[in-house]
Structure formats: C-alpha cells, structure tokens
Amino acid sequence: MLMRRDLHEGRIAMHIGSADANVLAGFMAGYRACLVDNGVVDAEAMEFQEWLGFEKEEFPPEGWVAKYLRDCNGDHLAAIKKLLGFVAEFRERKGR
C-alpha cells in the first residue's frame, strides 16, 4: 500500500504524475494489460473487483472513476482516496 501512504503524504504524483482519477485508472489498466501480456494471472485483483462490486456495491457499470468522482463532487484526490481506502479494507479483511 505504498501508493496509499504516499497519497496521504502528498506524494501521489510520484506514482501517476498528477492527482487525476482517470490517470490512475489508466495506470491500473496498463499494469493489468502488462500482466496479461506476460501470462500472469492477478487473482487478487479479480477477487478485489468482485468484492468491490458485489459486497460493497461500489463498482457500477460505468466504472469506479465516474462513480467516485460523482460521489466526491468532482474531487479527483478524494476519489483516489476512496478507491485506495477500499483496497486497504479488502487487504485487511484478507489478512494481507
């Protein structure tokens, strides 16, 4: 959860260049594409997405970016914090 720690310390730009939820979504999609291209299955990411959608009801058809920006009144930093908060919660529940 290095990115989450750096976010709270005001250093999100180290990871994605700017506090923009769309940039983070692109970063995540690129990372997943790289894994797939190299034959790596990220079961934890798939499990997280299912947990987020079914248990938390926080992954609507339009995607997390649109929903979280709407929930956070267009505040990209708050939307990113919301997503990373769910990541932390998921990992805690899994004992990771």
N, C-alpha and C. Protein backbone atom coordinates (compact mmCIF):
# COMPACT_ATOMS: atom_id res chain seq x y z
N MET A 1 0.83 -1.19 0.00
CA MET A 1 0.00 0.00 0.00
C MET A 1 0.87 1.26 0.00
N LEU A 2 1.98 1.15 -0.69
CA LEU A 2 2.91 2.27 -0.82
C LEU A 2 2.22 3.49 -1.43
N MET A 3 1.43 3.27 -2.48
CA MET A 3 0.76 4.40 -3.13
C MET A 3 -0.19 5.10 -2.17
N ARG A 4 -0.90 4.33 -1.35
CA ARG A 4 -1.84 4.93 -0.39
C ARG A 4 -1.08 5.78 0.64
N ARG A 5 0.05 5.25 1.13
CA ARG A 5 0.85 6.01 2.08
C ARG A 5 1.36 7.31 1.44
N ASP A 6 1.87 7.20 0.24
CA ASP A 6 2.37 8.39 -0.44
C ASP A 6 1.27 9.38 -0.75
N LEU A 7 0.06 8.88 -1.03
CA LEU A 7 -1.08 9.76 -1.25
C LEU A 7 -1.34 10.59 0.00
N HIS A 8 -1.35 9.95 1.15
CA HIS A 8 -1.62 10.65 2.41
C HIS A 8 -0.50 11.62 2.77
N GLU A 9 0.69 11.37 2.24
CA GLU A 9 1.82 12.26 2.50
C GLU A 9 1.99 13.30 1.40
N GLY A 10 1.01 13.38 0.48
CA GLY A 10 1.03 14.39 -0.56
C GLY A 10 1.96 14.09 -1.73
N ARG A 11 2.28 12.80 -1.93
CA ARG A 11 3.23 12.46 -2.98
C ARG A 11 2.63 11.52 -4.03
N ILE A 12 1.36 11.67 -4.35
CA ILE A 12 0.72 10.80 -5.34
C ILE A 12 1.36 10.97 -6.71
N ALA A 13 1.87 12.17 -7.01
CA ALA A 13 2.48 12.44 -8.31
C ALA A 13 3.67 11.52 -8.60
N MET A 14 4.31 11.00 -7.56
CA MET A 14 5.42 10.08 -7.76
C MET A 14 4.96 8.84 -8.52
N HIS A 15 3.72 8.48 -8.40
CA HIS A 15 3.20 7.25 -8.99
C HIS A 15 2.46 7.47 -10.30
N ILE A 16 1.66 8.54 -10.36
CA ILE A 16 0.81 8.72 -11.55
C ILE A 16 0.94 10.09 -12.19
N GLY A 17 1.83 10.93 -11.71
CA GLY A 17 2.06 12.23 -12.34
C GLY A 17 1.17 13.34 -11.83
N SER A 18 -0.09 13.06 -11.57
CA SER A 18 -1.00 14.07 -11.03
C SER A 18 -2.14 13.37 -10.31
N ALA A 19 -2.82 14.11 -9.48
CA ALA A 19 -3.95 13.55 -8.73
C ALA A 19 -5.19 13.56 -9.62
N ASP A 20 -5.21 12.64 -10.56
CA ASP A 20 -6.31 12.53 -11.52
C ASP A 20 -6.79 11.08 -11.52
N ALA A 21 -8.03 10.88 -11.18
CA ALA A 21 -8.58 9.52 -11.09
C ALA A 21 -8.52 8.80 -12.44
N ASN A 22 -8.68 9.53 -13.53
CA ASN A 22 -8.60 8.92 -14.85
C ASN A 22 -7.18 8.42 -15.14
N VAL A 23 -6.18 9.17 -14.69
CA VAL A 23 -4.80 8.75 -14.87
C VAL A 23 -4.53 7.48 -14.07
N LEU A 24 -5.02 7.43 -12.83
CA LEU A 24 -4.85 6.22 -12.02
C LEU A 24 -5.54 5.03 -12.68
N ALA A 25 -6.74 5.23 -13.21
CA ALA A 25 -7.45 4.14 -13.88
C ALA A 25 -6.64 3.66 -15.09
N GLY A 26 -6.05 4.58 -15.83
CA GLY A 26 -5.21 4.21 -16.97
C GLY A 26 -3.97 3.46 -16.55
N PHE A 27 -3.37 3.91 -15.45
CA PHE A 27 -2.19 3.23 -14.90
C PHE A 27 -2.55 1.79 -14.53
N MET A 28 -3.68 1.63 -13.86
CA MET A 28 -4.11 0.30 -13.43
C MET A 28 -4.41 -0.59 -14.64
N ALA A 29 -5.07 -0.03 -15.65
CA ALA A 29 -5.40 -0.82 -16.84
C ALA A 29 -4.12 -1.23 -17.57
N GLY A 30 -3.16 -0.33 -17.66
CA GLY A 30 -1.89 -0.65 -18.30
C GLY A 30 -1.14 -1.73 -17.55
N TYR A 31 -1.15 -1.64 -16.23
CA TYR A 31 -0.48 -2.64 -15.40
C TYR A 31 -1.11 -4.02 -15.61
N ARG A 32 -2.46 -4.04 -15.60
CA ARG A 32 -3.15 -5.32 -15.82
C ARG A 32 -2.87 -5.87 -17.22
N ALA A 33 -2.83 -5.00 -18.22
CA ALA A 33 -2.53 -5.43 -19.59
C ALA A 33 -1.13 -6.02 -19.68
N CYS A 34 -0.19 -5.41 -18.99
CA CYS A 34 1.18 -5.92 -18.97
C CYS A 34 1.22 -7.32 -18.33
N LEU A 35 0.50 -7.49 -17.24
CA LEU A 35 0.45 -8.80 -16.60
C LEU A 35 -0.11 -9.85 -17.55
N VAL A 36 -1.23 -9.51 -18.20
CA VAL A 36 -1.87 -10.45 -19.13
C VAL A 36 -0.92 -10.78 -20.27
N ASP A 37 -0.26 -9.76 -20.84
CA ASP A 37 0.67 -9.98 -21.95
C ASP A 37 1.82 -10.90 -21.56
N ASN A 38 2.14 -10.93 -20.28
CA ASN A 38 3.23 -11.77 -19.80
C ASN A 38 2.76 -13.06 -19.15
N GLY A 39 1.47 -13.38 -19.33
CA GLY A 39 0.93 -14.63 -18.85
C GLY A 39 0.71 -14.71 -17.35
N VAL A 40 0.64 -13.56 -16.69
CA VAL A 40 0.45 -13.53 -15.24
C VAL A 40 -1.03 -13.31 -14.94
N VAL A 41 -1.59 -14.15 -14.11
CA VAL A 41 -2.98 -14.01 -13.68
C VAL A 41 -2.97 -13.35 -12.30
N ASP A 42 -3.61 -12.20 -12.21
CA ASP A 42 -3.68 -11.48 -10.93
C ASP A 42 -5.01 -11.82 -10.27
N ALA A 43 -5.04 -12.96 -9.61
CA ALA A 43 -6.28 -13.43 -8.98
C ALA A 43 -6.77 -12.48 -7.90
N GLU A 44 -5.84 -11.85 -7.18
CA GLU A 44 -6.23 -10.92 -6.12
C GLU A 44 -6.96 -9.71 -6.69
N ALA A 45 -6.52 -9.21 -7.83
CA ALA A 45 -7.19 -8.06 -8.45
C ALA A 45 -8.60 -8.43 -8.88
N MET A 46 -8.75 -9.62 -9.44
CA MET A 46 -10.08 -10.07 -9.84
C MET A 46 -10.98 -10.25 -8.62
N GLU A 47 -10.42 -10.81 -7.57
CA GLU A 47 -11.17 -11.01 -6.33
C GLU A 47 -11.58 -9.67 -5.73
N PHE A 48 -10.67 -8.68 -5.79
CA PHE A 48 -10.98 -7.34 -5.28
C PHE A 48 -12.13 -6.72 -6.07
N GLN A 49 -12.07 -6.82 -7.38
CA GLN A 49 -13.11 -6.22 -8.21
C GLN A 49 -14.47 -6.86 -7.91
N GLU A 50 -14.50 -8.18 -7.74
CA GLU A 50 -15.75 -8.86 -7.38
C GLU A 50 -16.24 -8.40 -6.01
N TRP A 51 -15.33 -8.32 -5.05
CA TRP A 51 -15.68 -7.88 -3.69
C TRP A 51 -16.24 -6.46 -3.74
N LEU A 52 -15.56 -5.59 -4.50
CA LEU A 52 -15.98 -4.20 -4.59
C LEU A 52 -17.36 -4.08 -5.21
N GLY A 53 -17.61 -4.89 -6.22
CA GLY A 53 -18.91 -4.82 -6.90
C GLY A 53 -20.04 -5.50 -6.16
N PHE A 54 -19.81 -6.72 -5.70
CA PHE A 54 -20.89 -7.49 -5.11
C PHE A 54 -21.09 -7.24 -3.63
N GLU A 55 -20.02 -7.17 -2.87
CA GLU A 55 -20.16 -6.99 -1.43
C GLU A 55 -20.33 -5.52 -1.05
N LYS A 56 -19.53 -4.66 -1.65
CA LYS A 56 -19.59 -3.24 -1.30
C LYS A 56 -20.54 -2.45 -2.19
N GLU A 57 -20.93 -3.03 -3.33
CA GLU A 57 -21.78 -2.35 -4.31
C GLU A 57 -21.17 -1.01 -4.73
N GLU A 58 -19.86 -1.04 -4.98
CA GLU A 58 -19.12 0.17 -5.32
C GLU A 58 -18.42 0.07 -6.67
N PHE A 59 -18.86 -0.84 -7.54
CA PHE A 59 -18.26 -0.95 -8.87
C PHE A 59 -19.38 -1.03 -9.90
N PRO A 60 -19.97 0.13 -10.23
CA PRO A 60 -21.10 0.16 -11.16
C PRO A 60 -20.64 -0.03 -12.61
N PRO A 61 -21.58 -0.23 -13.53
CA PRO A 61 -21.23 -0.45 -14.93
C PRO A 61 -20.37 0.67 -15.53
N GLU A 62 -20.55 1.90 -15.08
CA GLU A 62 -19.77 3.00 -15.65
C GLU A 62 -18.35 3.05 -15.09
N GLY A 63 -18.04 2.19 -14.13
CA GLY A 63 -16.68 2.14 -13.58
C GLY A 63 -16.52 2.98 -12.33
N TRP A 64 -15.43 2.70 -11.62
CA TRP A 64 -15.21 3.38 -10.34
C TRP A 64 -14.93 4.86 -10.52
N VAL A 65 -14.25 5.26 -11.59
CA VAL A 65 -13.88 6.67 -11.75
C VAL A 65 -15.13 7.55 -11.80
N ALA A 66 -16.06 7.22 -12.68
CA ALA A 66 -17.27 8.04 -12.81
C ALA A 66 -18.05 8.10 -11.50
N LYS A 67 -18.21 6.93 -10.85
CA LYS A 67 -18.98 6.89 -9.61
C LYS A 67 -18.30 7.67 -8.50
N TYR A 68 -17.01 7.45 -8.33
CA TYR A 68 -16.32 8.09 -7.21
C TYR A 68 -16.17 9.58 -7.43
N LEU A 69 -15.98 10.02 -8.67
CA LEU A 69 -15.96 11.46 -8.93
C LEU A 69 -17.32 12.07 -8.63
N ARG A 70 -18.38 11.37 -8.99
CA ARG A 70 -19.72 11.85 -8.67
C ARG A 70 -19.92 11.88 -7.15
N ASP A 71 -19.52 10.80 -6.46
CA ASP A 71 -19.66 10.74 -5.01
C ASP A 71 -18.85 11.83 -4.31
N CYS A 72 -17.72 12.20 -4.92
CA CYS A 72 -16.78 13.15 -4.29
C CYS A 72 -16.87 14.54 -4.93
N ASN A 73 -17.99 14.83 -5.59
CA ASN A 73 -18.23 16.15 -6.19
C ASN A 73 -17.10 16.60 -7.11
N GLY A 74 -16.59 15.68 -7.90
CA GLY A 74 -15.56 16.02 -8.87
C GLY A 74 -14.15 16.12 -8.33
N ASP A 75 -13.95 15.83 -7.06
CA ASP A 75 -12.63 15.93 -6.43
C ASP A 75 -11.84 14.65 -6.73
N HIS A 76 -10.87 14.77 -7.62
CA HIS A 76 -10.10 13.61 -8.04
C HIS A 76 -9.31 13.00 -6.89
N LEU A 77 -8.71 13.83 -6.07
CA LEU A 77 -7.93 13.32 -4.95
C LEU A 77 -8.81 12.52 -3.99
N ALA A 78 -9.99 13.03 -3.70
CA ALA A 78 -10.92 12.32 -2.83
C ALA A 78 -11.37 11.00 -3.46
N ALA A 79 -11.58 10.99 -4.77
CA ALA A 79 -11.98 9.76 -5.46
C ALA A 79 -10.88 8.71 -5.37
N ILE A 80 -9.63 9.14 -5.54
CA ILE A 80 -8.49 8.22 -5.43
C ILE A 80 -8.39 7.69 -4.01
N LYS A 81 -8.56 8.57 -3.04
CA LYS A 81 -8.51 8.14 -1.63
C LYS A 81 -9.60 7.12 -1.34
N LYS A 82 -10.77 7.32 -1.93
CA LYS A 82 -11.87 6.39 -1.71
C LYS A 82 -11.51 5.01 -2.26
N LEU A 83 -10.99 4.97 -3.48
CA LEU A 83 -10.61 3.68 -4.06
C LEU A 83 -9.52 3.00 -3.22
N LEU A 84 -8.47 3.74 -2.88
CA LEU A 84 -7.37 3.15 -2.12
C LEU A 84 -7.81 2.75 -0.71
N GLY A 85 -8.82 3.44 -0.18
CA GLY A 85 -9.39 3.04 1.11
C GLY A 85 -10.05 1.67 1.00
N PHE A 86 -10.76 1.44 -0.10
CA PHE A 86 -11.37 0.13 -0.32
C PHE A 86 -10.30 -0.94 -0.52
N VAL A 87 -9.22 -0.60 -1.22
CA VAL A 87 -8.13 -1.56 -1.40
C VAL A 87 -7.57 -1.96 -0.04
N ALA A 88 -7.33 -0.97 0.82
CA ALA A 88 -6.80 -1.25 2.17
C ALA A 88 -7.77 -2.12 2.96
N GLU A 89 -9.06 -1.80 2.89
CA GLU A 89 -10.06 -2.59 3.61
C GLU A 89 -10.07 -4.03 3.12
N PHE A 90 -10.03 -4.22 1.81
CA PHE A 90 -10.02 -5.55 1.23
C PHE A 90 -8.80 -6.33 1.70
N ARG A 91 -7.64 -5.72 1.65
CA ARG A 91 -6.41 -6.41 2.05
C ARG A 91 -6.42 -6.74 3.55
N GLU A 92 -6.96 -5.85 4.36
CA GLU A 92 -7.07 -6.11 5.80
C GLU A 92 -7.98 -7.32 6.05
N ARG A 93 -9.07 -7.38 5.35
CA ARG A 93 -10.01 -8.49 5.53
C ARG A 93 -9.41 -9.81 5.09
N LYS A 94 -8.47 -9.74 4.16
CA LYS A 94 -7.81 -10.94 3.67
C LYS A 94 -6.57 -11.27 4.51
N GLY A 95 -6.25 -10.40 5.46
CA GLY A 95 -5.07 -10.64 6.30
C GLY A 95 -3.77 -10.38 5.58
N ARG A 96 -3.79 -9.47 4.63
CA ARG A 96 -2.59 -9.17 3.83
C ARG A 96 -2.05 -7.81 4.15
